[in-house]
Protein backbone atom coordinates (compact mmCIF):
# COMPACT_ATOMS: atom_id res chain seq x y z
CA MET A 1 -8.90 77.85 9.68
CA LYS A 2 -11.22 76.44 7.62
CA ASN A 3 -15.29 77.02 7.61
CA TYR A 4 -16.42 73.36 7.22
CA ALA A 5 -20.20 74.82 6.63
CA LEU A 6 -19.45 76.57 3.33
CA CYS A 7 -18.32 73.07 1.87
CA GLY A 8 -19.99 69.99 1.19
CA PRO A 9 -21.84 67.43 -0.81
CA PRO A 10 -22.61 69.04 -4.13
CA ARG A 11 -26.30 67.94 -3.41
CA PHE A 12 -25.84 71.24 -1.19
CA LEU A 13 -24.57 73.50 -3.81
CA VAL A 14 -21.26 73.47 -2.35
CA PRO A 15 -18.21 73.69 -3.13
CA PRO A 16 -16.72 69.74 -2.22
CA CYS A 17 -14.21 69.51 0.47
CA LYS A 18 -11.93 68.92 -1.56
CA ASN A 19 -8.31 69.48 1.14
CA ASP A 20 -10.98 67.46 3.40
CA ILE A 21 -11.19 64.65 2.19
CA HIS A 22 -7.23 64.76 0.71
CA GLU A 23 -6.20 64.65 4.33
CA ASN A 24 -9.33 62.45 5.94
CA SER A 25 -7.72 59.79 3.42
CA LYS A 26 -3.63 60.71 4.76
CA MET A 27 -4.90 60.39 8.65
CA THR A 28 -6.57 57.43 7.38
CA LEU A 29 -3.58 55.20 5.94
CA LEU A 30 -0.99 56.85 8.75
CA HIS A 31 -3.44 55.12 11.21
CA ALA A 32 -3.01 51.44 9.28
CA PHE A 33 0.62 51.52 8.78
CA ARG A 34 0.49 52.76 12.49
CA TYR A 35 -2.19 49.92 14.29
CA GLY A 36 -2.25 47.89 11.42
CA LEU A 37 1.39 46.48 10.43
CA PRO A 38 2.08 45.43 13.88
CA THR A 39 -0.87 43.61 13.30
CA ILE A 40 -0.54 41.34 10.32
CA GLY A 41 3.41 40.68 12.34
CA ILE A 42 2.03 39.63 14.79
CA VAL A 43 0.01 36.81 13.03
CA ILE A 44 2.87 36.39 9.74
CA VAL A 45 5.54 35.99 12.12
CA PRO A 46 4.40 32.65 13.71
CA ILE A 47 3.31 31.45 10.43
CA VAL A 48 6.56 32.27 8.96
CA LEU A 49 8.66 30.54 11.44
CA THR A 50 6.12 27.33 11.94
CA ILE A 51 7.03 26.97 7.51
CA MET A 52 10.56 27.13 8.40
CA TYR A 53 10.76 25.12 11.66
CA ARG A 54 9.10 22.28 9.45
CA ARG A 55 11.11 22.17 7.22
CA CYS A 56 14.40 22.20 9.00
CA GLN A 57 12.28 19.75 10.46
CA SER A 58 11.84 17.69 7.26
CA ARG A 59 15.44 17.75 6.30
CA GLY A 60 16.56 15.19 9.25
CA THR A 61 14.18 12.21 7.31
CA THR A 62 14.23 9.91 4.92
CA LEU A 63 10.70 9.97 5.46
CA PRO A 64 8.05 12.84 5.10
CA ILE A 65 6.61 11.77 7.76
CA LYS A 66 3.64 13.91 8.54
CA ASP A 67 2.38 15.00 11.39
CA ASP A 68 -1.49 13.43 10.79
CA LEU A 69 0.93 10.50 9.39
CA LEU A 70 -1.65 8.97 7.49
CA SER A 71 -3.29 12.09 5.83
CA LEU A 72 -6.81 9.75 4.89
CA LYS A 73 -9.75 12.68 4.05
CA THR A 74 -12.12 11.36 7.31
CA LEU A 75 -10.02 9.42 9.79
CA ARG A 76 -12.43 8.42 13.25
CA ARG A 77 -10.49 9.33 16.28
CA ILE A 78 -10.27 5.56 18.04
CA SER A 79 -7.95 5.12 21.50
CA HIS A 80 -6.10 2.08 23.47
CA TYR A 81 -9.10 1.57 25.54
CA GLU A 82 -11.24 0.92 22.13
CA LEU A 83 -8.83 -1.19 20.83
CA SER A 84 -8.91 -3.52 24.60
CA GLN A 85 -12.48 -3.44 24.31
CA ALA A 86 -12.67 -4.72 20.78
CA THR A 87 -10.48 -7.82 20.92
CA ASN A 88 -11.63 -8.66 24.82
CA GLY A 89 -8.31 -7.18 26.25
CA PHE A 90 -5.55 -8.44 22.85
CA GLU A 91 -6.94 -11.71 23.95
CA GLU A 92 -5.23 -14.68 22.50
CA SER A 93 -8.32 -16.49 21.06
CA ASN A 94 -8.65 -12.87 18.74
CA MET A 95 -5.10 -13.35 17.68
CA LEU A 96 -5.13 -13.40 13.85
CA GLY A 97 -1.15 -13.32 13.27
CA PHE A 98 1.45 -12.25 14.10
CA GLY A 99 4.49 -11.30 11.91
CA SER A 100 8.28 -9.23 12.63
CA PHE A 101 7.09 -6.13 14.42
CA GLY A 102 3.97 -7.04 16.17
CA TYR A 103 0.45 -8.90 16.13
CA VAL A 104 -2.85 -9.15 14.00
CA TYR A 105 -6.07 -9.16 15.84
CA LYS A 106 -9.24 -9.62 14.26
CA GLY A 107 -11.81 -6.99 17.04
CA ARG A 108 -15.75 -5.64 16.56
CA LEU A 109 -15.85 -2.19 17.82
CA SER A 110 -18.40 -0.68 19.37
CA ASP A 111 -21.02 0.81 16.24
CA GLY A 112 -20.54 -3.34 16.03
CA MET A 113 -17.87 -3.02 12.41
CA GLU A 114 -15.23 -5.92 12.07
CA VAL A 115 -11.76 -4.86 12.10
CA ALA A 116 -8.20 -5.70 12.09
CA ILE A 117 -5.85 -4.10 14.23
CA LYS A 118 -2.24 -4.65 13.80
CA VAL A 119 -0.88 -3.77 17.40
CA PHE A 120 2.98 -2.94 16.89
CA ASN A 121 5.28 -5.12 19.76
CA LEU A 122 7.79 -1.68 20.35
CA GLN A 123 9.69 -3.67 22.16
CA ILE A 124 11.75 -4.76 18.74
CA GLU A 125 14.03 -3.15 17.50
CA GLY A 126 12.73 -1.31 14.60
CA ALA A 127 8.84 -1.92 15.42
CA PHE A 128 8.42 2.28 15.59
CA GLN A 129 10.34 3.39 12.15
CA SER A 130 8.30 0.55 10.78
CA PHE A 131 4.69 1.98 12.18
CA ASP A 132 5.92 5.14 10.19
CA ILE A 133 7.38 3.29 7.22
CA GLU A 134 3.62 1.47 6.68
CA CYS A 135 1.76 5.04 7.28
CA ASP A 136 3.97 6.64 5.04
CA ALA A 137 3.21 4.49 2.32
CA MET A 138 -0.57 3.75 3.27
CA ARG A 139 -1.05 7.60 3.20
CA ASN A 140 -3.61 8.28 0.59
CA ILE A 141 -3.76 4.64 -1.04
CA VAL A 142 -7.51 4.23 -2.46
CA HIS A 143 -7.43 0.81 -4.28
CA ARG A 144 -9.73 -2.48 -4.80
CA ASN A 145 -7.11 -4.89 -3.77
CA ILE A 146 -4.71 -2.77 -1.39
CA VAL A 147 -6.31 -3.11 2.10
CA LYS A 148 -7.90 -0.41 3.11
CA VAL A 149 -6.31 1.76 6.25
CA ILE A 150 -9.10 3.15 8.84
CA THR A 151 -7.67 4.42 11.13
CA CYS A 152 -4.42 4.51 13.10
CA CYS A 153 -3.88 4.72 17.18
CA LEU A 154 -0.99 6.32 18.82
CA SER A 155 0.66 7.30 22.02
CA VAL A 156 4.60 6.98 23.57
CA ASP A 157 3.90 3.38 25.12
CA PHE A 158 1.27 2.26 22.12
CA LYS A 159 0.93 2.28 18.67
CA ALA A 160 -1.84 0.20 15.67
CA LEU A 161 -2.96 0.60 12.48
CA VAL A 162 -6.47 -0.61 12.36
CA PHE A 163 -7.86 -2.00 8.67
CA ASP A 164 -10.77 -3.42 6.71
CA TYR A 165 -10.75 -7.07 8.59
CA MET A 166 -10.88 -9.78 5.67
CA SER A 167 -13.28 -12.24 6.02
CA ASN A 168 -11.37 -15.37 4.32
CA GLY A 169 -7.63 -15.50 5.23
CA ASN A 170 -4.86 -14.97 3.82
CA LEU A 171 -3.80 -16.56 -0.08
CA GLU A 172 -1.34 -19.09 1.72
CA LYS A 173 -4.13 -20.65 4.05
CA TRP A 174 -6.47 -21.76 0.56
CA LEU A 175 -3.31 -22.58 -0.55
CA HIS A 176 -1.71 -25.17 1.40
CA SER A 177 -4.52 -26.00 4.28
CA ASN A 178 -6.21 -29.57 3.94
CA ASN A 179 -9.83 -28.04 3.90
CA CYS A 180 -9.45 -24.93 1.55
CA PHE A 181 -9.71 -25.65 -2.20
CA LEU A 182 -9.08 -22.78 -4.78
CA ASP A 183 -10.19 -23.76 -9.03
CA ILE A 184 -8.71 -22.83 -11.78
CA ILE A 185 -10.90 -19.50 -11.99
CA GLN A 186 -10.60 -18.14 -8.59
CA ARG A 187 -7.10 -18.15 -8.98
CA VAL A 188 -6.61 -16.73 -11.88
CA ASP A 189 -8.22 -13.94 -10.30
CA ILE A 190 -6.55 -14.08 -7.52
CA MET A 191 -3.33 -13.73 -9.41
CA ILE A 192 -5.50 -10.96 -11.34
CA ASP A 193 -6.13 -8.41 -8.49
CA VAL A 194 -2.23 -8.65 -6.67
CA ALA A 195 -0.81 -7.40 -10.48
CA ALA A 196 -4.01 -4.57 -10.63
CA ALA A 197 -2.98 -4.04 -6.64
CA LEU A 198 1.78 -3.62 -7.78
CA GLU A 199 0.68 -1.47 -11.34
CA HIS A 200 -0.73 0.26 -9.26
CA LEU A 201 1.42 1.50 -6.50
CA HIS A 202 4.09 1.11 -9.12
CA ASN A 203 2.93 2.79 -12.14
CA GLU A 204 -0.41 5.22 -10.74
CA HIS A 205 0.11 6.95 -7.75
CA PRO A 206 1.67 9.72 -7.30
CA THR A 207 5.28 8.61 -5.41
CA PRO A 208 6.24 4.56 -6.53
CA VAL A 209 5.66 2.78 -3.98
CA ILE A 210 7.96 -0.77 -3.38
CA HIS A 211 5.43 -3.18 -1.49
CA CYS A 212 9.38 -5.01 -0.89
CA ASP A 213 7.46 -8.42 1.06
CA LEU A 214 5.03 -9.78 -1.25
CA LYS A 215 4.35 -13.56 -0.45
CA PRO A 216 1.09 -15.41 -0.34
CA SER A 217 0.26 -14.11 3.87
CA ASN A 218 0.42 -10.59 2.87
CA ILE A 219 -2.48 -11.46 0.11
CA LEU A 220 -5.79 -10.97 1.63
CA LEU A 221 -9.63 -12.46 0.31
CA ASP A 222 -12.46 -10.40 1.51
CA GLU A 223 -15.45 -11.96 1.72
CA ASP A 224 -16.24 -12.11 -2.15
CA MET A 225 -13.28 -13.69 -2.56
CA VAL A 226 -11.47 -10.17 -4.10
CA ALA A 227 -7.76 -10.40 -2.95
CA HIS A 228 -6.43 -6.85 -1.23
CA VAL A 229 -2.48 -7.02 -0.75
CA GLY A 230 -1.81 -5.80 2.98
CA ASP A 231 1.03 -5.37 5.24
CA PHE A 232 3.60 -2.31 3.70
CA GLY A 233 5.92 -2.69 7.02
CA ILE A 234 8.85 -2.31 5.17
CA ALA A 235 8.02 -1.05 2.22
CA LYS A 236 10.03 1.66 0.17
CA LEU A 237 9.08 5.28 -1.54
CA LEU A 238 10.85 5.99 -4.21
CA GLY A 239 12.35 9.98 -5.52
CA GLU A 240 13.58 10.47 -8.41
CA GLY A 241 15.09 7.91 -10.22
CA ASP A 242 13.56 4.10 -10.65
CA VAL A 243 16.42 2.56 -7.78
CA MET A 244 17.02 2.59 -4.19
CA LYS A 245 19.18 1.56 -2.61
CA GLN A 246 19.05 0.10 1.59
CA THR A 247 21.65 -0.94 4.09
CA MET A 248 19.71 -3.84 5.83
CA THR A 249 17.74 -6.96 4.32
CA LEU A 250 14.06 -7.76 6.33
CA ALA A 251 11.84 -9.35 2.92
CA THR A 252 11.29 -13.44 3.02
CA ILE A 253 13.74 -15.98 2.26
CA GLY A 254 12.31 -17.02 -1.23
CA TYR A 255 10.05 -14.24 -2.45
CA ILE A 256 12.69 -11.73 -2.06
CA ALA A 257 14.84 -11.17 -5.63
CA PRO A 258 18.92 -11.92 -6.02
CA GLU A 259 19.53 -8.45 -6.42
CA PHE A 260 17.70 -7.50 -3.42
CA GLY A 261 19.27 -10.66 -1.38
CA SER A 262 22.43 -9.86 -2.45
CA THR A 263 23.37 -6.34 -2.39
CA GLY A 264 20.46 -4.50 -0.58
CA VAL A 265 19.19 -2.96 -4.15
CA VAL A 266 15.00 -2.61 -4.27
CA SER A 267 13.51 -1.23 -6.98
CA ILE A 268 9.76 -1.58 -8.22
CA LYS A 269 11.24 -4.75 -10.40
CA CYS A 270 11.68 -6.90 -6.54
CA ASP A 271 8.19 -6.75 -6.05
CA VAL A 272 7.91 -8.30 -9.91
CA TYR A 273 10.20 -10.78 -9.05
CA SER A 274 8.40 -11.76 -5.84
CA TYR A 275 5.04 -11.72 -7.77
CA GLY A 276 6.75 -14.15 -10.22
CA ILE A 277 7.29 -16.74 -7.15
CA ILE A 278 3.84 -16.08 -5.79
CA LEU A 279 2.36 -16.60 -9.57
CA ILE A 280 4.12 -20.71 -9.67
CA GLU A 281 2.84 -21.06 -6.06
CA THR A 282 -0.50 -21.12 -7.05
CA PHE A 283 -0.64 -23.26 -9.78
CA THR A 284 1.42 -25.86 -8.83
CA LYS A 285 0.68 -25.84 -4.80
CA LYS A 286 4.70 -25.96 -3.39
CA LYS A 287 6.30 -23.42 -1.58
CA PRO A 288 9.66 -22.00 -2.64
CA THR A 289 10.92 -23.34 1.01
CA ASP A 290 10.15 -26.97 0.01
CA ASN A 291 12.02 -29.63 0.85
CA LEU A 292 11.93 -30.16 -2.77
CA PHE A 293 14.63 -26.84 -3.63
CA ALA A 294 17.92 -27.32 -2.36
CA GLU A 295 20.47 -24.77 -2.37
CA GLU A 296 21.25 -25.15 -6.64
CA VAL A 297 17.51 -25.82 -7.56
CA THR A 298 15.33 -22.85 -6.82
CA ILE A 299 11.42 -22.94 -7.57
CA ARG A 300 12.17 -21.10 -10.89
CA HIS A 301 15.05 -22.80 -11.85
CA TRP A 302 12.72 -26.02 -11.52
CA MET A 303 9.76 -25.25 -13.46
CA GLU A 304 11.85 -23.80 -16.34
CA CYS A 305 12.71 -28.05 -16.42
CA SER A 306 9.55 -28.80 -15.74
CA LEU A 307 7.62 -26.94 -17.93
CA PRO A 308 8.82 -28.26 -21.39
CA LYS A 309 6.74 -32.07 -19.81
CA GLY A 310 3.48 -30.62 -19.81
CA ALA A 311 0.97 -28.86 -17.18
CA ILE A 312 0.52 -31.90 -15.64
CA GLU A 313 4.28 -32.56 -14.21
CA ILE A 314 3.74 -28.92 -12.28
CA ALA A 315 0.06 -28.18 -11.52
CA ASP A 316 -1.41 -28.94 -7.98
CA ALA A 317 -3.05 -32.49 -8.75
CA ASP A 318 -6.59 -30.90 -7.19
CA LEU A 319 -6.05 -28.28 -9.40
CA LEU A 320 -5.35 -30.13 -13.36
CA ARG A 321 -6.83 -34.27 -13.33
CA LYS A 322 -6.72 -35.80 -16.90
CA GLU A 323 -10.55 -37.93 -16.13
CA ASP A 324 -11.66 -33.40 -16.61
CA GLU A 325 -12.81 -32.97 -19.25
CA TYR A 326 -11.83 -29.18 -19.69
CA PHE A 327 -8.18 -30.96 -19.01
CA VAL A 328 -6.06 -29.83 -21.83
CA VAL A 329 -8.40 -26.70 -22.10
CA LYS A 330 -6.65 -26.21 -17.89
CA ALA A 331 -3.16 -27.29 -18.88
CA ASN A 332 -2.91 -24.63 -22.22
CA CYS A 333 -4.22 -21.88 -19.69
CA ILE A 334 -1.69 -23.09 -16.60
CA SER A 335 1.23 -23.53 -19.18
CA ALA A 336 0.98 -19.74 -20.37
CA ILE A 337 0.55 -18.45 -16.52
CA MET A 338 3.78 -20.44 -15.35
CA GLU A 339 5.56 -18.27 -18.95
CA LEU A 340 4.54 -15.43 -17.81
CA ALA A 341 5.29 -15.78 -14.40
CA LEU A 342 9.15 -17.43 -16.28
CA ASN A 343 9.69 -14.34 -17.71
CA CYS A 344 8.26 -12.04 -14.52
CA SER A 345 11.47 -13.71 -12.02
CA VAL A 346 14.15 -13.92 -14.81
CA GLU A 347 18.10 -13.34 -12.63
CA LEU A 348 18.49 -9.36 -14.14
CA PRO A 349 15.33 -7.51 -13.25
CA GLU A 350 15.23 -5.35 -17.31
CA ASP A 351 14.10 -8.56 -18.17
CA ARG A 352 11.37 -8.64 -16.49
CA LYS A 353 8.18 -7.71 -16.88
CA ASP A 354 5.98 -4.26 -16.10
CA MET A 355 2.43 -4.85 -14.22
CA LYS A 356 1.15 -3.59 -16.89
CA ASP A 357 1.55 -5.56 -19.79
CA VAL A 358 1.03 -8.49 -16.76
CA VAL A 359 -2.48 -7.70 -15.91
CA VAL A 360 -3.57 -7.55 -18.79
CA GLU A 361 -1.36 -10.43 -20.15
CA LEU A 362 -3.39 -12.45 -17.77
CA LYS A 363 -6.89 -11.19 -18.25
CA LYS A 364 -6.42 -12.15 -21.85
CA ILE A 365 -5.81 -16.02 -20.76
CA LYS A 366 -8.62 -15.37 -19.03
CA ARG A 367 -10.79 -15.18 -21.45
CA ARG A 368 -8.89 -17.80 -23.74
CA LEU A 369 -10.45 -19.45 -20.47
CA LEU A 370 -13.95 -19.05 -20.37
CA ASN A 371 -14.49 -19.22 -23.71
CA ASN A 372 -12.99 -22.58 -24.41
CA ILE A 373 -14.42 -23.63 -22.05
CA LYS A 374 -17.50 -22.67 -23.43
CA HIS A 375 -16.96 -24.26 -26.63
CA VAL A 376 -16.12 -27.93 -24.81
């Protein structure tokens, strides 16, 4: 038996208790293995099982829908009751419009903030999927020209997305309502905004996003007439490669790319085609579904045949008048933009412009327009 009184710290001028320290270390390790490992195991095992379960779930879905859906940095919580209060019980007078999968209402939240509330009609086939797709497409997208999602509200029988409210409505209203008018610079600015949004979705977002349903009613204008692209209900997220195929076509007739409509093949070039058609509509005030265009003659074919005759033959009559002192300057601007529109909407996807180049070219056209107006 050891006499512990005969050993101790060196400052007491006695030999150190080497064996005691060694044995104490052994005992400490033994206690750690005996009591520590089971405790660590209790913590680690559930974490491992949770990770394995989530991985198994993700293999069974085509889109990686997260539990938090939008995964935005900060989401304010909002209930069905609050949305009902904000819209006076989803009163018809507060309805801003409707789409394939539901209705959009104007609302005022309890803090006074004005919002647009997209309520999905869950009785319609595809509404659940559209909600998930839009959440997935909008996840972490932050851009000046893309409608901002504030939050979402979901329960077993109710799903809604809450967006920033756009006080000036949509581009369709401004182009085709008798009491609305856009001057040439406003139209150029709006189309630059839309091109910038598409460039971000196609080239700057970590996962390229194809809007798939770009049209004037999905281009919203805020109080400063800045354009924002919205409604990502049938958007597609590209994985590896730059083309994907889907079986069901939901896009809008007149704006849909030929390859998308005929074979269901979608790529970022489908959005470029739609953009080209909208560009024509914005400066001619003609819809691609107008009676002027029969089955054999599309709005693009009409533009291709009419452009050589001069801008006066194609432009919106309210936009280009011969008595205008800036007639020649505006005519040259419109002709240049229509050439760009034709390059965006060619038949073969690989021959269409890239949105990055479209933004650059439109900005050059705007600079020429402003410089020439100054010197007239």
